[in-house]
Amino acid sequence: MWLPLFGLLLGLVIGFLSPFNIPVDYAKYFSVAILVAFDSVIGGVRAYQEESFDSTVFLSGFFVNILMATLLAYIGDRIGVDLYLAAIVAFGTRIFQNISIIRRHFINKHHKDEKN
């Protein structure tokens, strides 16, 4: 469980320290891709806690969700509608739901350990 969190932290540190700039034209796509990737990681943590983690499901969901959300943002740009907002709302909602489930799992586990 600590290895994925360490990898996430290492990636964030490298990202903040690198002098890489994203062109403004691609900012929507990149923000949607980051949000979807974060949703996949949080979903993976939840699945790990529920002991139902499957690396194939995680990796396929990671890449397919990023591809579909970015494609949705691109199609929205082409037709002049901000469809990327639909992806942001959907994946943002999932992130908060998964975080609340993870939080409840930790609280229940802590209460169970206190009783024993």
N, C-alpha and C. Protein backbone atom coordinates (compact mmCIF):
# COMPACT_ATOMS: atom_id res chain seq x y z
N MET A 1 0.82 -1.20 0.00
CA MET A 1 0.00 0.00 0.00
C MET A 1 0.86 1.26 0.00
N TRP A 2 2.00 1.19 0.66
CA TRP A 2 2.85 2.38 0.75
C TRP A 2 3.60 2.65 -0.55
N LEU A 3 3.85 1.62 -1.34
CA LEU A 3 4.59 1.81 -2.59
C LEU A 3 3.84 2.72 -3.57
N PRO A 4 2.55 2.53 -3.81
CA PRO A 4 1.85 3.46 -4.70
C PRO A 4 1.83 4.90 -4.18
N LEU A 5 1.67 5.06 -2.87
CA LEU A 5 1.68 6.41 -2.31
C LEU A 5 3.06 7.05 -2.44
N PHE A 6 4.11 6.25 -2.25
CA PHE A 6 5.47 6.76 -2.43
C PHE A 6 5.68 7.17 -3.88
N GLY A 7 5.22 6.36 -4.82
CA GLY A 7 5.33 6.69 -6.24
C GLY A 7 4.58 7.96 -6.59
N LEU A 8 3.40 8.13 -5.99
CA LEU A 8 2.62 9.35 -6.23
C LEU A 8 3.36 10.57 -5.70
N LEU A 9 3.88 10.47 -4.49
CA LEU A 9 4.64 11.59 -3.92
C LEU A 9 5.88 11.90 -4.73
N LEU A 10 6.60 10.87 -5.15
CA LEU A 10 7.80 11.07 -5.96
C LEU A 10 7.44 11.74 -7.28
N GLY A 11 6.38 11.31 -7.90
CA GLY A 11 5.93 11.93 -9.16
C GLY A 11 5.54 13.39 -8.98
N LEU A 12 4.88 13.70 -7.88
CA LEU A 12 4.51 15.10 -7.61
C LEU A 12 5.75 15.96 -7.40
N VAL A 13 6.73 15.45 -6.65
CA VAL A 13 7.96 16.21 -6.41
C VAL A 13 8.70 16.45 -7.72
N ILE A 14 8.84 15.41 -8.53
CA ILE A 14 9.52 15.55 -9.82
C ILE A 14 8.76 16.53 -10.71
N GLY A 15 7.44 16.45 -10.70
CA GLY A 15 6.63 17.37 -11.51
C GLY A 15 6.79 18.82 -11.10
N PHE A 16 6.84 19.06 -9.80
CA PHE A 16 7.00 20.44 -9.33
C PHE A 16 8.39 20.99 -9.59
N LEU A 17 9.40 20.12 -9.59
CA LEU A 17 10.77 20.57 -9.75
C LEU A 17 11.22 20.66 -11.21
N SER A 18 10.47 20.04 -12.12
CA SER A 18 10.88 20.07 -13.53
C SER A 18 10.41 21.37 -14.19
N PRO A 19 11.20 21.88 -15.13
CA PRO A 19 10.85 23.15 -15.78
C PRO A 19 9.94 22.97 -17.00
N PHE A 20 9.03 22.04 -16.94
CA PHE A 20 8.15 21.71 -18.06
C PHE A 20 6.91 22.59 -18.02
N ASN A 21 6.62 23.27 -19.12
CA ASN A 21 5.43 24.11 -19.22
C ASN A 21 4.46 23.52 -20.23
N ILE A 22 3.18 23.62 -19.90
CA ILE A 22 2.14 23.10 -20.79
C ILE A 22 1.53 24.27 -21.55
N PRO A 23 1.46 24.17 -22.88
CA PRO A 23 0.85 25.26 -23.66
C PRO A 23 -0.61 25.48 -23.24
N VAL A 24 -1.05 26.70 -23.30
CA VAL A 24 -2.40 27.06 -22.88
C VAL A 24 -3.46 26.31 -23.69
N ASP A 25 -3.17 26.04 -24.95
CA ASP A 25 -4.13 25.33 -25.81
C ASP A 25 -4.43 23.92 -25.30
N TYR A 26 -3.49 23.32 -24.58
CA TYR A 26 -3.66 21.95 -24.10
C TYR A 26 -4.01 21.89 -22.62
N ALA A 27 -4.22 23.01 -21.98
CA ALA A 27 -4.47 23.04 -20.54
C ALA A 27 -5.73 22.27 -20.16
N LYS A 28 -6.80 22.40 -20.95
CA LYS A 28 -8.04 21.67 -20.65
C LYS A 28 -7.81 20.17 -20.68
N TYR A 29 -7.13 19.71 -21.72
CA TYR A 29 -6.90 18.28 -21.88
C TYR A 29 -6.02 17.74 -20.76
N PHE A 30 -5.01 18.49 -20.41
CA PHE A 30 -4.08 18.05 -19.37
C PHE A 30 -4.77 18.03 -18.01
N SER A 31 -5.59 19.04 -17.73
CA SER A 31 -6.28 19.07 -16.44
C SER A 31 -7.27 17.91 -16.32
N VAL A 32 -7.97 17.60 -17.40
CA VAL A 32 -8.89 16.46 -17.38
C VAL A 32 -8.11 15.16 -17.20
N ALA A 33 -6.99 15.02 -17.89
CA ALA A 33 -6.19 13.80 -17.78
C ALA A 33 -5.66 13.62 -16.36
N ILE A 34 -5.21 14.70 -15.73
CA ILE A 34 -4.71 14.60 -14.35
C ILE A 34 -5.84 14.22 -13.40
N LEU A 35 -7.00 14.82 -13.57
CA LEU A 35 -8.14 14.51 -12.71
C LEU A 35 -8.55 13.04 -12.85
N VAL A 36 -8.59 12.55 -14.07
CA VAL A 36 -8.97 11.16 -14.31
C VAL A 36 -7.91 10.21 -13.74
N ALA A 37 -6.64 10.56 -13.90
CA ALA A 37 -5.57 9.73 -13.34
C ALA A 37 -5.68 9.69 -11.82
N PHE A 38 -5.95 10.83 -11.20
CA PHE A 38 -6.11 10.88 -9.75
C PHE A 38 -7.31 10.05 -9.31
N ASP A 39 -8.39 10.09 -10.08
CA ASP A 39 -9.56 9.27 -9.78
C ASP A 39 -9.21 7.79 -9.83
N SER A 40 -8.41 7.39 -10.81
CA SER A 40 -8.02 5.99 -10.91
C SER A 40 -7.16 5.56 -9.73
N VAL A 41 -6.25 6.43 -9.31
CA VAL A 41 -5.38 6.10 -8.17
C VAL A 41 -6.21 5.97 -6.90
N ILE A 42 -7.11 6.91 -6.66
CA ILE A 42 -7.97 6.84 -5.47
C ILE A 42 -8.86 5.60 -5.53
N GLY A 43 -9.38 5.28 -6.71
CA GLY A 43 -10.18 4.06 -6.87
C GLY A 43 -9.36 2.81 -6.61
N GLY A 44 -8.08 2.83 -7.01
CA GLY A 44 -7.19 1.70 -6.73
C GLY A 44 -6.93 1.53 -5.25
N VAL A 45 -6.77 2.64 -4.54
CA VAL A 45 -6.58 2.58 -3.08
C VAL A 45 -7.83 2.00 -2.43
N ARG A 46 -9.00 2.44 -2.88
CA ARG A 46 -10.25 1.91 -2.34
C ARG A 46 -10.36 0.40 -2.60
N ALA A 47 -10.06 -0.01 -3.82
CA ALA A 47 -10.14 -1.44 -4.16
C ALA A 47 -9.14 -2.24 -3.33
N TYR A 48 -7.97 -1.69 -3.08
CA TYR A 48 -6.97 -2.37 -2.25
C TYR A 48 -7.50 -2.56 -0.83
N GLN A 49 -8.13 -1.53 -0.29
CA GLN A 49 -8.69 -1.63 1.06
C GLN A 49 -9.81 -2.66 1.12
N GLU A 50 -10.58 -2.76 0.06
CA GLU A 50 -11.68 -3.72 0.03
C GLU A 50 -11.21 -5.10 -0.41
N GLU A 51 -9.91 -5.24 -0.61
CA GLU A 51 -9.28 -6.49 -1.04
C GLU A 51 -9.85 -7.01 -2.35
N SER A 52 -10.14 -6.09 -3.27
CA SER A 52 -10.64 -6.48 -4.59
C SER A 52 -9.80 -5.85 -5.70
N PHE A 53 -8.56 -5.44 -5.38
CA PHE A 53 -7.70 -4.78 -6.36
C PHE A 53 -7.26 -5.77 -7.43
N ASP A 54 -7.38 -5.37 -8.69
CA ASP A 54 -6.92 -6.15 -9.83
C ASP A 54 -6.12 -5.21 -10.72
N SER A 55 -4.85 -5.52 -10.92
CA SER A 55 -3.98 -4.61 -11.67
C SER A 55 -4.43 -4.45 -13.12
N THR A 56 -5.01 -5.47 -13.72
CA THR A 56 -5.49 -5.36 -15.10
C THR A 56 -6.66 -4.37 -15.18
N VAL A 57 -7.58 -4.48 -14.25
CA VAL A 57 -8.72 -3.56 -14.21
C VAL A 57 -8.22 -2.14 -13.93
N PHE A 58 -7.26 -2.01 -13.01
CA PHE A 58 -6.73 -0.69 -12.68
C PHE A 58 -6.07 -0.04 -13.89
N LEU A 59 -5.16 -0.75 -14.54
CA LEU A 59 -4.42 -0.17 -15.67
C LEU A 59 -5.33 0.11 -16.86
N SER A 60 -6.25 -0.82 -17.16
CA SER A 60 -7.15 -0.58 -18.29
C SER A 60 -8.07 0.60 -18.00
N GLY A 61 -8.58 0.69 -16.78
CA GLY A 61 -9.42 1.82 -16.41
C GLY A 61 -8.66 3.13 -16.44
N PHE A 62 -7.41 3.08 -16.00
CA PHE A 62 -6.56 4.28 -15.98
C PHE A 62 -6.42 4.85 -17.38
N PHE A 63 -6.01 4.02 -18.33
CA PHE A 63 -5.75 4.52 -19.68
C PHE A 63 -7.02 4.78 -20.48
N VAL A 64 -8.01 3.91 -20.36
CA VAL A 64 -9.26 4.10 -21.11
C VAL A 64 -10.00 5.34 -20.62
N ASN A 65 -10.04 5.54 -19.30
CA ASN A 65 -10.73 6.73 -18.77
C ASN A 65 -10.03 8.01 -19.19
N ILE A 66 -8.69 8.02 -19.16
CA ILE A 66 -7.96 9.20 -19.61
C ILE A 66 -8.24 9.46 -21.09
N LEU A 67 -8.20 8.42 -21.89
CA LEU A 67 -8.45 8.57 -23.32
C LEU A 67 -9.86 9.09 -23.59
N MET A 68 -10.85 8.51 -22.94
CA MET A 68 -12.24 8.91 -23.19
C MET A 68 -12.53 10.33 -22.69
N ALA A 69 -12.01 10.68 -21.52
CA ALA A 69 -12.25 12.03 -21.01
C ALA A 69 -11.56 13.08 -21.87
N THR A 70 -10.34 12.77 -22.32
CA THR A 70 -9.63 13.71 -23.20
C THR A 70 -10.33 13.81 -24.55
N LEU A 71 -10.82 12.70 -25.06
CA LEU A 71 -11.57 12.71 -26.32
C LEU A 71 -12.86 13.53 -26.17
N LEU A 72 -13.53 13.39 -25.05
CA LEU A 72 -14.73 14.18 -24.78
C LEU A 72 -14.40 15.68 -24.77
N ALA A 73 -13.29 16.04 -24.15
CA ALA A 73 -12.88 17.45 -24.13
C ALA A 73 -12.54 17.93 -25.53
N TYR A 74 -11.89 17.10 -26.32
CA TYR A 74 -11.52 17.47 -27.70
C TYR A 74 -12.77 17.67 -28.57
N ILE A 75 -13.70 16.73 -28.47
CA ILE A 75 -14.94 16.84 -29.25
C ILE A 75 -15.69 18.11 -28.85
N GLY A 76 -15.73 18.39 -27.56
CA GLY A 76 -16.38 19.61 -27.09
C GLY A 76 -15.73 20.86 -27.66
N ASP A 77 -14.39 20.87 -27.73
CA ASP A 77 -13.69 22.00 -28.34
C ASP A 77 -14.05 22.16 -29.81
N ARG A 78 -14.15 21.05 -30.51
CA ARG A 78 -14.44 21.10 -31.94
C ARG A 78 -15.85 21.63 -32.23
N ILE A 79 -16.82 21.29 -31.36
CA ILE A 79 -18.19 21.74 -31.61
C ILE A 79 -18.53 23.02 -30.84
N GLY A 80 -17.58 23.53 -30.06
CA GLY A 80 -17.78 24.79 -29.36
C GLY A 80 -18.55 24.69 -28.06
N VAL A 81 -18.55 23.51 -27.43
CA VAL A 81 -19.24 23.30 -26.16
C VAL A 81 -18.21 22.82 -25.15
N ASP A 82 -18.28 23.31 -23.93
CA ASP A 82 -17.30 22.93 -22.91
C ASP A 82 -17.65 21.57 -22.30
N LEU A 83 -17.51 20.51 -23.08
CA LEU A 83 -17.82 19.16 -22.60
C LEU A 83 -16.82 18.66 -21.57
N TYR A 84 -15.66 19.29 -21.50
CA TYR A 84 -14.68 18.86 -20.50
C TYR A 84 -15.24 19.06 -19.09
N LEU A 85 -16.18 19.98 -18.94
CA LEU A 85 -16.80 20.19 -17.63
C LEU A 85 -17.59 18.96 -17.17
N ALA A 86 -18.17 18.23 -18.12
CA ALA A 86 -18.89 17.00 -17.77
C ALA A 86 -17.93 15.98 -17.17
N ALA A 87 -16.74 15.85 -17.76
CA ALA A 87 -15.74 14.93 -17.23
C ALA A 87 -15.26 15.39 -15.86
N ILE A 88 -15.07 16.69 -15.69
CA ILE A 88 -14.61 17.21 -14.40
C ILE A 88 -15.64 16.94 -13.31
N VAL A 89 -16.91 17.17 -13.60
CA VAL A 89 -17.95 16.92 -12.61
C VAL A 89 -18.05 15.43 -12.29
N ALA A 90 -18.06 14.59 -13.31
CA ALA A 90 -18.21 13.15 -13.09
C ALA A 90 -17.04 12.58 -12.29
N PHE A 91 -15.82 12.88 -12.72
CA PHE A 91 -14.67 12.30 -12.03
C PHE A 91 -14.42 12.99 -10.69
N GLY A 92 -14.73 14.26 -10.58
CA GLY A 92 -14.62 14.94 -9.29
C GLY A 92 -15.55 14.34 -8.26
N THR A 93 -16.77 14.04 -8.68
CA THR A 93 -17.73 13.39 -7.78
C THR A 93 -17.24 12.02 -7.35
N ARG A 94 -16.71 11.25 -8.29
CA ARG A 94 -16.18 9.92 -7.95
C ARG A 94 -15.02 10.01 -6.98
N ILE A 95 -14.16 11.00 -7.15
CA ILE A 95 -13.02 11.16 -6.24
C ILE A 95 -13.51 11.40 -4.82
N PHE A 96 -14.46 12.31 -4.65
CA PHE A 96 -14.96 12.60 -3.31
C PHE A 96 -15.71 11.41 -2.71
N GLN A 97 -16.44 10.65 -3.53
CA GLN A 97 -17.11 9.46 -3.02
C GLN A 97 -16.10 8.42 -2.56
N ASN A 98 -15.07 8.18 -3.37
CA ASN A 98 -14.06 7.20 -3.00
C ASN A 98 -13.28 7.63 -1.76
N ILE A 99 -12.96 8.92 -1.66
CA ILE A 99 -12.24 9.41 -0.47
C ILE A 99 -13.10 9.23 0.77
N SER A 100 -14.39 9.48 0.67
CA SER A 100 -15.25 9.30 1.85
C SER A 100 -15.35 7.83 2.24
N ILE A 101 -15.37 6.93 1.28
CA ILE A 101 -15.40 5.50 1.59
C ILE A 101 -14.09 5.07 2.22
N ILE A 102 -12.96 5.56 1.71
CA ILE A 102 -11.65 5.25 2.30
C ILE A 102 -11.59 5.78 3.73
N ARG A 103 -12.07 6.99 3.94
CA ARG A 103 -12.07 7.58 5.28
C ARG A 103 -12.90 6.75 6.25
N ARG A 104 -14.10 6.33 5.82
CA ARG A 104 -14.95 5.50 6.68
C ARG A 104 -14.29 4.16 6.98
N HIS A 105 -13.58 3.61 6.01
CA HIS A 105 -12.89 2.35 6.23
C HIS A 105 -11.84 2.51 7.33
N PHE A 106 -11.05 3.59 7.26
CA PHE A 106 -10.03 3.84 8.28
C PHE A 106 -10.67 4.07 9.65
N ILE A 107 -11.76 4.82 9.70
CA ILE A 107 -12.43 5.08 10.98
C ILE A 107 -12.97 3.79 11.57
N ASN A 108 -13.64 2.97 10.76
CA ASN A 108 -14.17 1.70 11.25
C ASN A 108 -13.06 0.77 11.72
N LYS A 109 -11.96 0.74 10.99
CA LYS A 109 -10.83 -0.10 11.38
C LYS A 109 -10.24 0.39 12.70
N HIS A 110 -10.14 1.71 12.86
CA HIS A 110 -9.59 2.28 14.09
C HIS A 110 -10.49 1.96 15.28
N HIS A 111 -11.82 2.08 15.10
CA HIS A 111 -12.75 1.77 16.18
C HIS A 111 -12.72 0.29 16.53
N LYS A 112 -12.57 -0.55 15.52
CA LYS A 112 -12.50 -1.99 15.76
C LYS A 112 -11.24 -2.34 16.55
N ASP A 113 -10.11 -1.69 16.23
CA ASP A 113 -8.86 -1.93 16.94
C ASP A 113 -8.93 -1.44 18.38
N GLU A 114 -9.65 -0.36 18.64
CA GLU A 114 -9.79 0.16 20.00
C GLU A 114 -10.60 -0.78 20.88
N LYS A 115 -11.60 -1.45 20.31
CA LYS A 115 -12.44 -2.36 21.08
C LYS A 115 -11.70 -3.63 21.47
N ASN A 116 -10.71 -4.02 20.68
CA ASN A 116 -9.97 -5.26 20.97
C ASN A 116 -8.86 -5.03 21.90
